[in-house]
Amino acid sequence: MSRPRGVTTVVRMTDLRMERDPEHPAGADLTDAIEAPSTHHTVPSKESESYTHGHHESVLRAHRARTAQNSAGFLLPHLRDDMTLLDVGCGPGTVTVDLARILAGGEVVGVDASETVLDAARNHADAVGFTNVRFEQANAYELPFEDDTFDVVYAHQLLQHLSDPVAALREMKRVARPGGLVAVRDADYAAMAWYPDSPGLTEWNTLYHEVTHAYGFEPDAGRHLLSWVQQAGFDVQQTVPSASSWCYATPTDRQWWGQVWAERCVASNFAGQAKESGLADDVALEQLAQDWLTWAQAPDGWFAILHGEVLARA
């Protein structure tokens, strides 16, 4: 396997943490649900067929830990109560519903690939009693909305799972109102850092790069966002790039994060793709799972995830 690429310099670091408890660790998972074709299509897109993580419970458990604070902090200061917002790749909807709480006088729409995930999002919205949020199945390349519909279009951990992220950004720009915001945030796998040194986690990171590249995706999307936004036609003078991090270092956070990835290594779509691509077998994946659990037991264990962020005016 080739070694991961190096770390880039970032513009700004902001540590966005949740309250520390077993259900809401300080960080959050790295990938959101990917866009699938709308119901107008009969053949699934490559993206919907090859979403790296899939919807195993270990993936959804991590997605449910996300909030507006830890996943959209760069956007929050720019929101007004009466705005309309589209969340592209909303997953189980925790961030979407949280944004609906903030935009109590406006309207929020979440779109995603999986009807199962969307059902979970609807159940979550119903449970908290919010009526200003709804969920629809949609394709990131063909959003089922008219031009100039939303004040804000937001996508978290989506572009890293698309073979043509620039085309998706153009579509987000289309449905944003003139002067509205397109806000994107993605992780950068090559910039992830951990302690103590672990050859197993290094091997996992290398494997993740190789698996995603095999399916035509960019795991280091965070560093590409500013370039992609410019290629999509946004005015660089009205674009604000930034970066922020998640950190897993408390005993609770370490155990949670290590267990999530130990399960993904053997049970999620990532494991299936690694085997399908001939990049790993069951023995190798079981070893990576054990390496994650070993790291989680280290009393001085620390894991940080860098995210690129961009706010762009439509």
C-alpha atoms as a PDB file:
ATOM      1  CA  MET A   1       0.000   0.000   0.000  1.00  0.00           C
ATOM      2  CA  SER A   2       1.132   3.557  -0.619  1.00  0.00           C
ATOM      3  CA  ARG A   3       1.599   5.823   2.382  1.00  0.00           C
ATOM      4  CA  PRO A   4      -0.882   8.608   3.119  1.00  0.00           C
ATOM      5  CA  ARG A   5      -0.112  12.092   1.935  1.00  0.00           C
ATOM      6  CA  GLY A   6       1.139  14.803   4.248  1.00  0.00           C
ATOM      7  CA  VAL A   7      -0.684  17.388   6.330  1.00  0.00           C
ATOM      8  CA  THR A   8      -1.506  20.814   4.949  1.00  0.00           C
ATOM      9  CA  THR A   9      -1.365  24.175   6.692  1.00  0.00           C
ATOM     10  CA  VAL A  10      -4.793  25.399   7.807  1.00  0.00           C
ATOM     11  CA  VAL A  11      -6.227  28.890   7.941  1.00  0.00           C
ATOM     12  CA  ARG A  12      -7.992  28.704  11.304  1.00  0.00           C
ATOM     13  CA  MET A  13      -8.518  26.047  13.968  1.00  0.00           C
ATOM     14  CA  THR A  14     -11.662  26.032  16.105  1.00  0.00           C
ATOM     15  CA  ASP A  15     -12.289  23.166  18.503  1.00  0.00           C
ATOM     16  CA  LEU A  16     -16.036  22.460  18.543  1.00  0.00           C
ATOM     17  CA  ARG A  17     -16.940  20.031  21.310  1.00  0.00           C
ATOM     18  CA  MET A  18     -20.121  18.567  22.730  1.00  0.00           C
ATOM     19  CA  GLU A  19     -20.791  17.916  26.382  1.00  0.00           C
ATOM     20  CA  ARG A  20     -18.915  14.863  27.605  1.00  0.00           C
ATOM     21  CA  ASP A  21     -21.161  11.858  28.064  1.00  0.00           C
ATOM     22  CA  PRO A  22     -21.313   8.370  26.526  1.00  0.00           C
ATOM     23  CA  GLU A  23     -24.068   9.249  24.064  1.00  0.00           C
ATOM     24  CA  HIS A  24     -22.501  12.523  22.891  1.00  0.00           C
ATOM     25  CA  PRO A  25     -18.709  12.282  22.725  1.00  0.00           C
ATOM     26  CA  ALA A  26     -16.529  15.302  22.028  1.00  0.00           C
ATOM     27  CA  GLY A  27     -16.011  14.516  18.375  1.00  0.00           C
ATOM     28  CA  ALA A  28     -18.266  13.069  15.760  1.00  0.00           C
ATOM     29  CA  ASP A  29     -18.022  10.613  12.921  1.00  0.00           C
ATOM     30  CA  LEU A  30     -16.287  11.364   9.651  1.00  0.00           C
ATOM     31  CA  THR A  31     -18.809  10.675   6.988  1.00  0.00           C
ATOM     32  CA  ASP A  32     -22.417  11.556   6.221  1.00  0.00           C
ATOM     33  CA  ALA A  33     -24.901   9.621   4.153  1.00  0.00           C
ATOM     34  CA  ILE A  34     -24.310  10.012   0.463  1.00  0.00           C
ATOM     35  CA  GLU A  35     -26.723  11.228  -2.140  1.00  0.00           C
ATOM     36  CA  ALA A  36     -28.614   8.642  -4.160  1.00  0.00           C
ATOM     37  CA  PRO A  37     -30.668   9.052  -7.301  1.00  0.00           C
ATOM     38  CA  SER A  38     -34.060  10.669  -6.987  1.00  0.00           C
ATOM     39  CA  THR A  39     -37.136   8.548  -7.516  1.00  0.00           C
ATOM     40  CA  HIS A  40     -37.128   9.681 -11.161  1.00  0.00           C
ATOM     41  CA  HIS A  41     -34.173   7.367 -11.850  1.00  0.00           C
ATOM     42  CA  THR A  42     -34.305   3.602 -12.155  1.00  0.00           C
ATOM     43  CA  VAL A  43     -30.536   2.915 -12.129  1.00  0.00           C
ATOM     44  CA  PRO A  44     -28.600   3.746  -8.947  1.00  0.00           C
ATOM     45  CA  SER A  45     -25.740   6.205  -9.318  1.00  0.00           C
ATOM     46  CA  LYS A  46     -22.198   5.036  -8.631  1.00  0.00           C
ATOM     47  CA  GLU A  47     -22.223   7.117  -5.452  1.00  0.00           C
ATOM     48  CA  SER A  48     -25.284   5.427  -3.986  1.00  0.00           C
ATOM     49  CA  GLU A  49     -23.874   1.990  -4.783  1.00  0.00           C
ATOM     50  CA  SER A  50     -20.444   2.615  -3.295  1.00  0.00           C
ATOM     51  CA  TYR A  51     -20.869   4.882  -0.259  1.00  0.00           C
ATOM     52  CA  THR A  52     -17.792   3.859   1.676  1.00  0.00           C
ATOM     53  CA  HIS A  53     -19.350   3.456   5.114  1.00  0.00           C
ATOM     54  CA  GLY A  54     -22.858   2.297   4.331  1.00  0.00           C
ATOM     55  CA  HIS A  55     -25.469   2.332   7.082  1.00  0.00           C
ATOM     56  CA  HIS A  56     -24.224  -0.248   9.574  1.00  0.00           C
ATOM     57  CA  GLU A  57     -25.267   0.545  13.147  1.00  0.00           C
ATOM     58  CA  SER A  58     -21.688   1.578  13.998  1.00  0.00           C
ATOM     59  CA  VAL A  59     -21.903   4.246  11.285  1.00  0.00           C
ATOM     60  CA  LEU A  60     -25.333   5.508  12.319  1.00  0.00           C
ATOM     61  CA  ARG A  61     -24.284   5.536  15.971  1.00  0.00           C
ATOM     62  CA  ALA A  62     -21.500   7.930  15.079  1.00  0.00           C
ATOM     63  CA  HIS A  63     -23.733  10.040  12.824  1.00  0.00           C
ATOM     64  CA  ARG A  64     -26.274  10.433  15.613  1.00  0.00           C
ATOM     65  CA  ALA A  65     -23.606  12.097  17.774  1.00  0.00           C
ATOM     66  CA  ARG A  66     -23.483  15.069  15.423  1.00  0.00           C
ATOM     67  CA  THR A  67     -25.060  18.405  16.288  1.00  0.00           C
ATOM     68  CA  ALA A  68     -25.152  21.846  14.725  1.00  0.00           C
ATOM     69  CA  GLN A  69     -22.506  22.936  17.224  1.00  0.00           C
ATOM     70  CA  ASN A  70     -19.925  20.249  16.473  1.00  0.00           C
ATOM     71  CA  SER A  71     -20.641  19.972  12.743  1.00  0.00           C
ATOM     72  CA  ALA A  72     -21.771  23.404  11.563  1.00  0.00           C
ATOM     73  CA  GLY A  73     -20.112  25.827  13.943  1.00  0.00           C
ATOM     74  CA  PHE A  74     -18.614  27.790  11.054  1.00  0.00           C
ATOM     75  CA  LEU A  75     -22.129  28.417   9.715  1.00  0.00           C
ATOM     76  CA  LEU A  76     -24.059  29.207  12.903  1.00  0.00           C
ATOM     77  CA  PRO A  77     -23.082  32.906  13.258  1.00  0.00           C
ATOM     78  CA  HIS A  78     -24.554  33.577   9.809  1.00  0.00           C
ATOM     79  CA  LEU A  79     -27.998  32.096  10.444  1.00  0.00           C
ATOM     80  CA  ARG A  80     -31.202  34.056  11.063  1.00  0.00           C
ATOM     81  CA  ASP A  81     -34.332  32.667  12.640  1.00  0.00           C
ATOM     82  CA  ASP A  82     -36.457  32.998   9.483  1.00  0.00           C
ATOM     83  CA  MET A  83     -34.104  31.402   6.927  1.00  0.00           C
ATOM     84  CA  THR A  84     -34.775  28.426   4.665  1.00  0.00           C
ATOM     85  CA  LEU A  85     -32.025  25.795   4.680  1.00  0.00           C
ATOM     86  CA  LEU A  86     -31.279  22.632   2.688  1.00  0.00           C
ATOM     87  CA  ASP A  87     -29.107  19.931   4.295  1.00  0.00           C
ATOM     88  CA  VAL A  88     -27.640  17.779   1.502  1.00  0.00           C
ATOM     89  CA  GLY A  89     -26.653  14.325   2.755  1.00  0.00           C
ATOM     90  CA  CYS A  90     -28.485  14.645   6.060  1.00  0.00           C
ATOM     91  CA  GLY A  91     -28.099  11.075   7.335  1.00  0.00           C
ATOM     92  CA  PRO A  92     -30.208  10.305  10.426  1.00  0.00           C
ATOM     93  CA  GLY A  93     -31.016  13.990  10.754  1.00  0.00           C
ATOM     94  CA  THR A  94     -29.566  15.041  14.104  1.00  0.00           C
ATOM     95  CA  VAL A  95     -27.795  18.076  12.626  1.00  0.00           C
ATOM     96  CA  THR A  96     -30.786  18.848  10.392  1.00  0.00           C
ATOM     97  CA  VAL A  97     -33.192  18.857  13.317  1.00  0.00           C
ATOM     98  CA  ASP A  98     -30.764  20.884  15.402  1.00  0.00           C
ATOM     99  CA  LEU A  99     -30.638  23.474  12.610  1.00  0.00           C
ATOM    100  CA  ALA A 100     -34.447  23.476  12.528  1.00  0.00           C
ATOM    101  CA  ARG A 101     -34.406  24.350  16.226  1.00  0.00           C
ATOM    102  CA  ILE A 102     -32.134  27.320  15.486  1.00  0.00           C
ATOM    103  CA  LEU A 103     -34.221  28.360  12.471  1.00  0.00           C
ATOM    104  CA  ALA A 104     -37.485  28.126  14.393  1.00  0.00           C
ATOM    105  CA  GLY A 105     -39.170  30.753  12.220  1.00  0.00           C
ATOM    106  CA  GLY A 106     -37.899  29.300   8.967  1.00  0.00           C
ATOM    107  CA  GLU A 107     -37.916  25.957   7.162  1.00  0.00           C
ATOM    108  CA  VAL A 108     -35.322  23.186   6.920  1.00  0.00           C
ATOM    109  CA  VAL A 109     -35.237  20.354   4.377  1.00  0.00           C
ATOM    110  CA  GLY A 110     -32.934  17.342   4.635  1.00  0.00           C
ATOM    111  CA  VAL A 111     -32.166  15.126   1.633  1.00  0.00           C
ATOM    112  CA  ASP A 112     -30.343  11.819   1.529  1.00  0.00           C
ATOM    113  CA  ALA A 113     -30.021   8.518  -0.332  1.00  0.00           C
ATOM    114  CA  SER A 114     -31.400   5.911   1.998  1.00  0.00           C
ATOM    115  CA  GLU A 115     -35.095   5.799   2.782  1.00  0.00           C
ATOM    116  CA  THR A 116     -34.225   3.818   5.912  1.00  0.00           C
ATOM    117  CA  VAL A 117     -32.001   6.634   7.113  1.00  0.00           C
ATOM    118  CA  LEU A 118     -34.617   9.204   6.156  1.00  0.00           C
ATOM    119  CA  ASP A 119     -37.219   7.301   8.168  1.00  0.00           C
ATOM    120  CA  ALA A 120     -34.892   7.518  11.163  1.00  0.00           C
ATOM    121  CA  ALA A 121     -34.528  11.254  10.574  1.00  0.00           C
ATOM    122  CA  ARG A 122     -38.305  11.706  10.392  1.00  0.00           C
ATOM    123  CA  ASN A 123     -38.746   9.728  13.603  1.00  0.00           C
ATOM    124  CA  HIS A 124     -36.166  11.925  15.309  1.00  0.00           C
ATOM    125  CA  ALA A 125     -37.929  15.105  14.179  1.00  0.00           C
ATOM    126  CA  ASP A 126     -41.279  13.717  15.344  1.00  0.00           C
ATOM    127  CA  ALA A 127     -39.817  12.760  18.715  1.00  0.00           C
ATOM    128  CA  VAL A 128     -38.679  16.312  19.425  1.00  0.00           C
ATOM    129  CA  GLY A 129     -41.873  17.791  17.998  1.00  0.00           C
ATOM    130  CA  PHE A 130     -40.418  20.017  15.305  1.00  0.00           C
ATOM    131  CA  THR A 131     -42.757  20.864  12.432  1.00  0.00           C
ATOM    132  CA  ASN A 132     -40.475  23.174  10.416  1.00  0.00           C
ATOM    133  CA  VAL A 133     -38.317  20.326   9.063  1.00  0.00           C
ATOM    134  CA  ARG A 134     -38.987  17.667   6.438  1.00  0.00           C
ATOM    135  CA  PHE A 135     -36.956  14.981   4.694  1.00  0.00           C
ATOM    136  CA  GLU A 136     -36.862  13.827   1.070  1.00  0.00           C
ATOM    137  CA  GLN A 137     -34.861  11.389  -1.027  1.00  0.00           C
ATOM    138  CA  ALA A 138     -32.730  13.230  -3.579  1.00  0.00           C
ATOM    139  CA  ASN A 139     -29.666  13.150  -5.831  1.00  0.00           C
ATOM    140  CA  ALA A 140     -26.907  15.691  -5.105  1.00  0.00           C
ATOM    141  CA  TYR A 141     -26.432  16.176  -8.857  1.00  0.00           C
ATOM    142  CA  GLU A 142     -30.159  16.736  -9.547  1.00  0.00           C
ATOM    143  CA  LEU A 143     -31.725  18.339  -6.499  1.00  0.00           C
ATOM    144  CA  PRO A 144     -35.541  18.340  -6.855  1.00  0.00           C
ATOM    145  CA  PHE A 145     -35.933  22.051  -6.175  1.00  0.00           C
ATOM    146  CA  GLU A 146     -36.378  25.153  -8.282  1.00  0.00           C
ATOM    147  CA  ASP A 147     -33.584  27.651  -8.836  1.00  0.00           C
ATOM    148  CA  ASP A 148     -33.026  30.189  -6.041  1.00  0.00           C
ATOM    149  CA  THR A 149     -35.032  28.263  -3.427  1.00  0.00           C
ATOM    150  CA  PHE A 150     -32.931  28.309  -0.232  1.00  0.00           C
ATOM    151  CA  ASP A 151     -31.182  30.958   1.828  1.00  0.00           C
ATOM    152  CA  VAL A 152     -28.594  28.376   2.902  1.00  0.00           C
ATOM    153  CA  VAL A 153     -27.425  25.088   1.368  1.00  0.00           C
ATOM    154  CA  TYR A 154     -25.318  22.996   3.750  1.00  0.00           C
ATOM    155  CA  ALA A 155     -23.406  19.750   3.157  1.00  0.00           C
ATOM    156  CA  HIS A 156     -21.400  17.990   5.840  1.00  0.00           C
ATOM    157  CA  GLN A 157     -19.020  15.128   4.987  1.00  0.00           C
ATOM    158  CA  LEU A 158     -20.681  14.665   1.604  1.00  0.00           C
ATOM    159  CA  LEU A 159     -18.263  15.825  -1.085  1.00  0.00           C
ATOM    160  CA  GLN A 160     -15.608  13.278  -0.106  1.00  0.00           C
ATOM    161  CA  HIS A 161     -18.034  10.578  -1.273  1.00  0.00           C
ATOM    162  CA  LEU A 162     -18.867  12.004  -4.694  1.00  0.00           C
ATOM    163  CA  SER A 163     -16.980  11.263  -7.911  1.00  0.00           C
ATOM    164  CA  ASP A 164     -17.761  14.792  -9.172  1.00  0.00           C
ATOM    165  CA  PRO A 165     -17.889  17.141  -6.162  1.00  0.00           C
ATOM    166  CA  VAL A 166     -17.638  20.234  -8.379  1.00  0.00           C
ATOM    167  CA  ALA A 167     -20.837  19.264 -10.209  1.00  0.00           C
ATOM    168  CA  ALA A 168     -22.593  18.810  -6.864  1.00  0.00           C
ATOM    169  CA  LEU A 169     -21.415  22.247  -5.742  1.00  0.00           C
ATOM    170  CA  ARG A 170     -22.786  23.786  -8.944  1.00  0.00           C
ATOM    171  CA  GLU A 171     -26.136  22.182  -8.171  1.00  0.00           C
ATOM    172  CA  MET A 172     -26.054  23.530  -4.612  1.00  0.00           C
ATOM    173  CA  LYS A 173     -25.314  26.973  -6.045  1.00  0.00           C
ATOM    174  CA  ARG A 174     -28.283  26.647  -8.403  1.00  0.00           C
ATOM    175  CA  VAL A 175     -30.809  26.059  -5.627  1.00  0.00           C
ATOM    176  CA  ALA A 176     -29.341  28.771  -3.362  1.00  0.00           C
ATOM    177  CA  ARG A 177     -30.853  32.229  -3.622  1.00  0.00           C
ATOM    178  CA  PRO A 178     -28.678  35.036  -5.012  1.00  0.00           C
ATOM    179  CA  GLY A 179     -26.600  36.259  -2.085  1.00  0.00           C
ATOM    180  CA  GLY A 180     -27.404  33.113  -0.145  1.00  0.00           C
ATOM    181  CA  LEU A 181     -24.825  30.832   1.444  1.00  0.00           C
ATOM    182  CA  VAL A 182     -23.433  27.466   0.412  1.00  0.00           C
ATOM    183  CA  ALA A 183     -21.642  25.950   3.416  1.00  0.00           C
ATOM    184  CA  VAL A 184     -19.549  22.769   3.074  1.00  0.00           C
ATOM    185  CA  ARG A 185     -17.397  20.885   5.562  1.00  0.00           C
ATOM    186  CA  ASP A 186     -15.350  17.731   4.979  1.00  0.00           C
ATOM    187  CA  ALA A 187     -12.712  15.742   6.816  1.00  0.00           C
ATOM    188  CA  ASP A 188      -9.138  15.292   5.618  1.00  0.00           C
ATOM    189  CA  TYR A 189      -7.957  11.753   6.282  1.00  0.00           C
ATOM    190  CA  ALA A 190      -4.283  12.402   5.546  1.00  0.00           C
ATOM    191  CA  ALA A 191      -4.299  15.161   8.159  1.00  0.00           C
ATOM    192  CA  MET A 192      -5.653  12.931  10.937  1.00  0.00           C
ATOM    193  CA  ALA A 193      -3.281  12.528  13.874  1.00  0.00           C
ATOM    194  CA  TRP A 194      -3.141  10.155  16.822  1.00  0.00           C
ATOM    195  CA  TYR A 195      -1.051   9.125  19.806  1.00  0.00           C
ATOM    196  CA  PRO A 196       0.485   6.765  20.832  1.00  0.00           C
ATOM    197  CA  ASP A 197       2.085   5.775  17.555  1.00  0.00           C
ATOM    198  CA  SER A 198       0.222   2.825  16.093  1.00  0.00           C
ATOM    199  CA  PRO A 199       1.362   0.957  12.979  1.00  0.00           C
ATOM    200  CA  GLY A 200      -2.147  -0.516  12.878  1.00  0.00           C
ATOM    201  CA  LEU A 201      -3.851   2.875  12.679  1.00  0.00           C
ATOM    202  CA  THR A 202      -1.327   3.964  10.065  1.00  0.00           C
ATOM    203  CA  GLU A 203      -2.224   0.862   8.058  1.00  0.00           C
ATOM    204  CA  TRP A 204      -5.941   1.619   8.525  1.00  0.00           C
ATOM    205  CA  ASN A 205      -5.466   5.162   7.235  1.00  0.00           C
ATOM    206  CA  THR A 206      -3.514   3.926   4.227  1.00  0.00           C
ATOM    207  CA  LEU A 207      -6.165   1.291   3.487  1.00  0.00           C
ATOM    208  CA  TYR A 208      -8.941   3.862   3.750  1.00  0.00           C
ATOM    209  CA  HIS A 209      -7.206   6.026   1.145  1.00  0.00           C
ATOM    210  CA  GLU A 210      -6.749   3.094  -1.187  1.00  0.00           C
ATOM    211  CA  VAL A 211     -10.338   1.882  -0.850  1.00  0.00           C
ATOM    212  CA  THR A 212     -11.861   5.301  -1.504  1.00  0.00           C
ATOM    213  CA  HIS A 213      -9.509   5.985  -4.406  1.00  0.00           C
ATOM    214  CA  ALA A 214     -10.499   2.616  -5.890  1.00  0.00           C
ATOM    215  CA  TYR A 215     -14.096   3.880  -6.022  1.00  0.00           C
ATOM    216  CA  GLY A 216     -13.164   7.294  -7.416  1.00  0.00           C
ATOM    217  CA  PHE A 217     -13.573   9.419  -4.277  1.00  0.00           C
ATOM    218  CA  GLU A 218     -11.309  11.914  -2.478  1.00  0.00           C
ATOM    219  CA  PRO A 219     -10.742  11.081   1.213  1.00  0.00           C
ATOM    220  CA  ASP A 220      -8.726  14.276   1.749  1.00  0.00           C
ATOM    221  CA  ALA A 221     -11.628  16.446   0.634  1.00  0.00           C
ATOM    222  CA  GLY A 222     -11.101  19.008   3.372  1.00  0.00           C
ATOM    223  CA  ARG A 223      -8.046  20.510   1.702  1.00  0.00           C
ATOM    224  CA  HIS A 224      -9.774  20.541  -1.703  1.00  0.00           C
ATOM    225  CA  LEU A 225     -12.922  22.451  -0.739  1.00  0.00           C
ATOM    226  CA  LEU A 226     -11.653  25.939  -1.532  1.00  0.00           C
ATOM    227  CA  SER A 227     -10.446  24.798  -4.957  1.00  0.00           C
ATOM    228  CA  TRP A 228     -13.655  22.909  -5.707  1.00  0.00           C
ATOM    229  CA  VAL A 229     -15.811  25.891  -4.750  1.00  0.00           C
ATOM    230  CA  GLN A 230     -13.836  28.124  -7.114  1.00  0.00           C
ATOM    231  CA  GLN A 231     -14.136  25.560  -9.919  1.00  0.00           C
ATOM    232  CA  ALA A 232     -17.904  25.502  -9.331  1.00  0.00           C
ATOM    233  CA  GLY A 233     -18.111  29.203 -10.173  1.00  0.00           C
ATOM    234  CA  PHE A 234     -18.315  30.879  -6.774  1.00  0.00           C
ATOM    235  CA  ASP A 235     -16.702  34.303  -6.395  1.00  0.00           C
ATOM    236  CA  VAL A 236     -13.436  33.852  -4.491  1.00  0.00           C
ATOM    237  CA  GLN A 237     -13.839  37.364  -3.052  1.00  0.00           C
ATOM    238  CA  GLN A 238     -17.048  36.245  -1.343  1.00  0.00           C
ATOM    239  CA  THR A 239     -15.683  32.928  -0.085  1.00  0.00           C
ATOM    240  CA  VAL A 240     -14.470  32.322   3.468  1.00  0.00           C
ATOM    241  CA  PRO A 241     -12.277  29.224   4.015  1.00  0.00           C
ATOM    242  CA  SER A 242     -11.556  27.897   7.485  1.00  0.00           C
ATOM    243  CA  ALA A 243     -10.801  24.720   9.404  1.00  0.00           C
ATOM    244  CA  SER A 244     -11.883  23.097  12.660  1.00  0.00           C
ATOM    245  CA  SER A 245     -11.303  19.846  14.498  1.00  0.00           C
ATOM    246  CA  TRP A 246     -12.810  17.000  16.446  1.00  0.00           C
ATOM    247  CA  CYS A 247     -10.726  15.482  19.226  1.00  0.00           C
ATOM    248  CA  TYR A 248     -11.152  12.163  21.049  1.00  0.00           C
ATOM    249  CA  ALA A 249      -8.985  12.056  24.157  1.00  0.00           C
ATOM    250  CA  THR A 250     -11.113  11.517  27.268  1.00  0.00           C
ATOM    251  CA  PRO A 251     -11.587   7.896  28.397  1.00  0.00           C
ATOM    252  CA  THR A 252     -15.250   7.982  27.305  1.00  0.00           C
ATOM    253  CA  ASP A 253     -14.502   9.514  23.919  1.00  0.00           C
ATOM    254  CA  ARG A 254     -11.599   7.150  23.270  1.00  0.00           C
ATOM    255  CA  GLN A 255     -13.622   4.053  24.048  1.00  0.00           C
ATOM    256  CA  TRP A 256     -16.520   5.251  21.916  1.00  0.00           C
ATOM    257  CA  TRP A 257     -14.401   6.193  18.902  1.00  0.00           C
ATOM    258  CA  GLY A 258     -12.234   3.072  19.068  1.00  0.00           C
ATOM    259  CA  GLN A 259     -15.292   0.797  19.267  1.00  0.00           C
ATOM    260  CA  VAL A 260     -17.013   2.589  16.374  1.00  0.00           C
ATOM    261  CA  TRP A 261     -14.041   2.040  14.091  1.00  0.00           C
ATOM    262  CA  ALA A 262     -13.333  -1.495  15.313  1.00  0.00           C
ATOM    263  CA  GLU A 263     -16.858  -2.415  14.210  1.00  0.00           C
ATOM    264  CA  ARG A 264     -16.541  -0.565  10.907  1.00  0.00           C
ATOM    265  CA  CYS A 265     -13.356  -2.407  10.067  1.00  0.00           C
ATOM    266  CA  VAL A 266     -15.169  -5.739  10.059  1.00  0.00           C
ATOM    267  CA  ALA A 267     -18.887  -5.030   9.569  1.00  0.00           C
ATOM    268  CA  SER A 268     -19.479  -1.826   7.572  1.00  0.00           C
ATOM    269  CA  ASN A 269     -19.466  -1.250   3.832  1.00  0.00           C
ATOM    270  CA  PHE A 270     -15.838  -0.131   4.196  1.00  0.00           C
ATOM    271  CA  ALA A 271     -14.920  -3.741   5.044  1.00  0.00           C
ATOM    272  CA  GLY A 272     -16.906  -5.060   2.085  1.00  0.00           C
ATOM    273  CA  GLN A 273     -15.259  -2.646  -0.324  1.00  0.00           C
ATOM    274  CA  ALA A 274     -11.785  -3.392   1.019  1.00  0.00           C
ATOM    275  CA  LYS A 275     -12.353  -7.080   0.278  1.00  0.00           C
ATOM    276  CA  GLU A 276     -14.158  -6.483  -3.018  1.00  0.00           C
ATOM    277  CA  SER A 277     -11.248  -4.352  -4.229  1.00  0.00           C
ATOM    278  CA  GLY A 278      -8.710  -6.999  -3.207  1.00  0.00           C
ATOM    279  CA  LEU A 279      -7.030  -4.552  -0.808  1.00  0.00           C
ATOM    280  CA  ALA A 280      -7.617  -6.516   2.413  1.00  0.00           C
ATOM    281  CA  ASP A 281      -8.999  -9.820   3.631  1.00  0.00           C
ATOM    282  CA  ASP A 282     -10.910 -10.817   6.757  1.00  0.00           C
ATOM    283  CA  VAL A 283      -7.734 -11.539   8.707  1.00  0.00           C
ATOM    284  CA  ALA A 284      -6.264  -8.127   7.952  1.00  0.00           C
ATOM    285  CA  LEU A 285      -9.516  -6.348   8.815  1.00  0.00           C
ATOM    286  CA  GLU A 286      -9.860  -8.239  12.095  1.00  0.00           C
ATOM    287  CA  GLN A 287      -6.333  -7.132  12.970  1.00  0.00           C
ATOM    288  CA  LEU A 288      -7.179  -3.498  12.221  1.00  0.00           C
ATOM    289  CA  ALA A 289     -10.235  -3.785  14.468  1.00  0.00           C
ATOM    290  CA  GLN A 290      -8.028  -5.091  17.262  1.00  0.00           C
ATOM    291  CA  ASP A 291      -5.557  -2.268  16.677  1.00  0.00           C
ATOM    292  CA  TRP A 292      -8.370   0.251  17.161  1.00  0.00           C
ATOM    293  CA  LEU A 293      -9.410  -1.394  20.438  1.00  0.00           C
ATOM    294  CA  THR A 294      -5.802  -1.448  21.624  1.00  0.00           C
ATOM    295  CA  TRP A 295      -5.429   2.266  20.879  1.00  0.00           C
ATOM    296  CA  ALA A 296      -8.659   3.004  22.780  1.00  0.00           C
ATOM    297  CA  GLN A 297      -7.213   1.356  25.909  1.00  0.00           C
ATOM    298  CA  ALA A 298      -4.181   3.670  26.038  1.00  0.00           C
ATOM    299  CA  PRO A 299      -4.609   6.045  29.019  1.00  0.00           C
ATOM    300  CA  ASP A 300      -2.868   8.796  27.037  1.00  0.00           C
ATOM    301  CA  GLY A 301      -4.585   8.013  23.742  1.00  0.00           C
ATOM    302  CA  TRP A 302      -5.480  11.004  21.558  1.00  0.00           C
ATOM    303  CA  PHE A 303      -7.057  11.255  18.092  1.00  0.00           C
ATOM    304  CA  ALA A 304      -7.734  14.443  16.125  1.00  0.00           C
ATOM    305  CA  ILE A 305      -9.624  14.981  12.884  1.00  0.00           C
ATOM    306  CA  LEU A 306      -9.053  18.082  10.801  1.00  0.00           C
ATOM    307  CA  HIS A 307     -11.915  19.448   8.696  1.00  0.00           C
ATOM    308  CA  GLY A 308     -11.826  21.930   5.865  1.00  0.00           C
ATOM    309  CA  GLU A 309     -14.729  24.364   5.708  1.00  0.00           C
ATOM    310  CA  VAL A 310     -15.931  26.901   3.160  1.00  0.00           C
ATOM    311  CA  LEU A 311     -18.677  29.518   3.253  1.00  0.00           C
ATOM    312  CA  ALA A 312     -19.465  30.754  -0.263  1.00  0.00           C
ATOM    313  CA  ARG A 313     -21.967  33.354  -1.480  1.00  0.00           C
ATOM    314  CA  ALA A 314     -24.212  32.218  -4.305  1.00  0.00           C
END
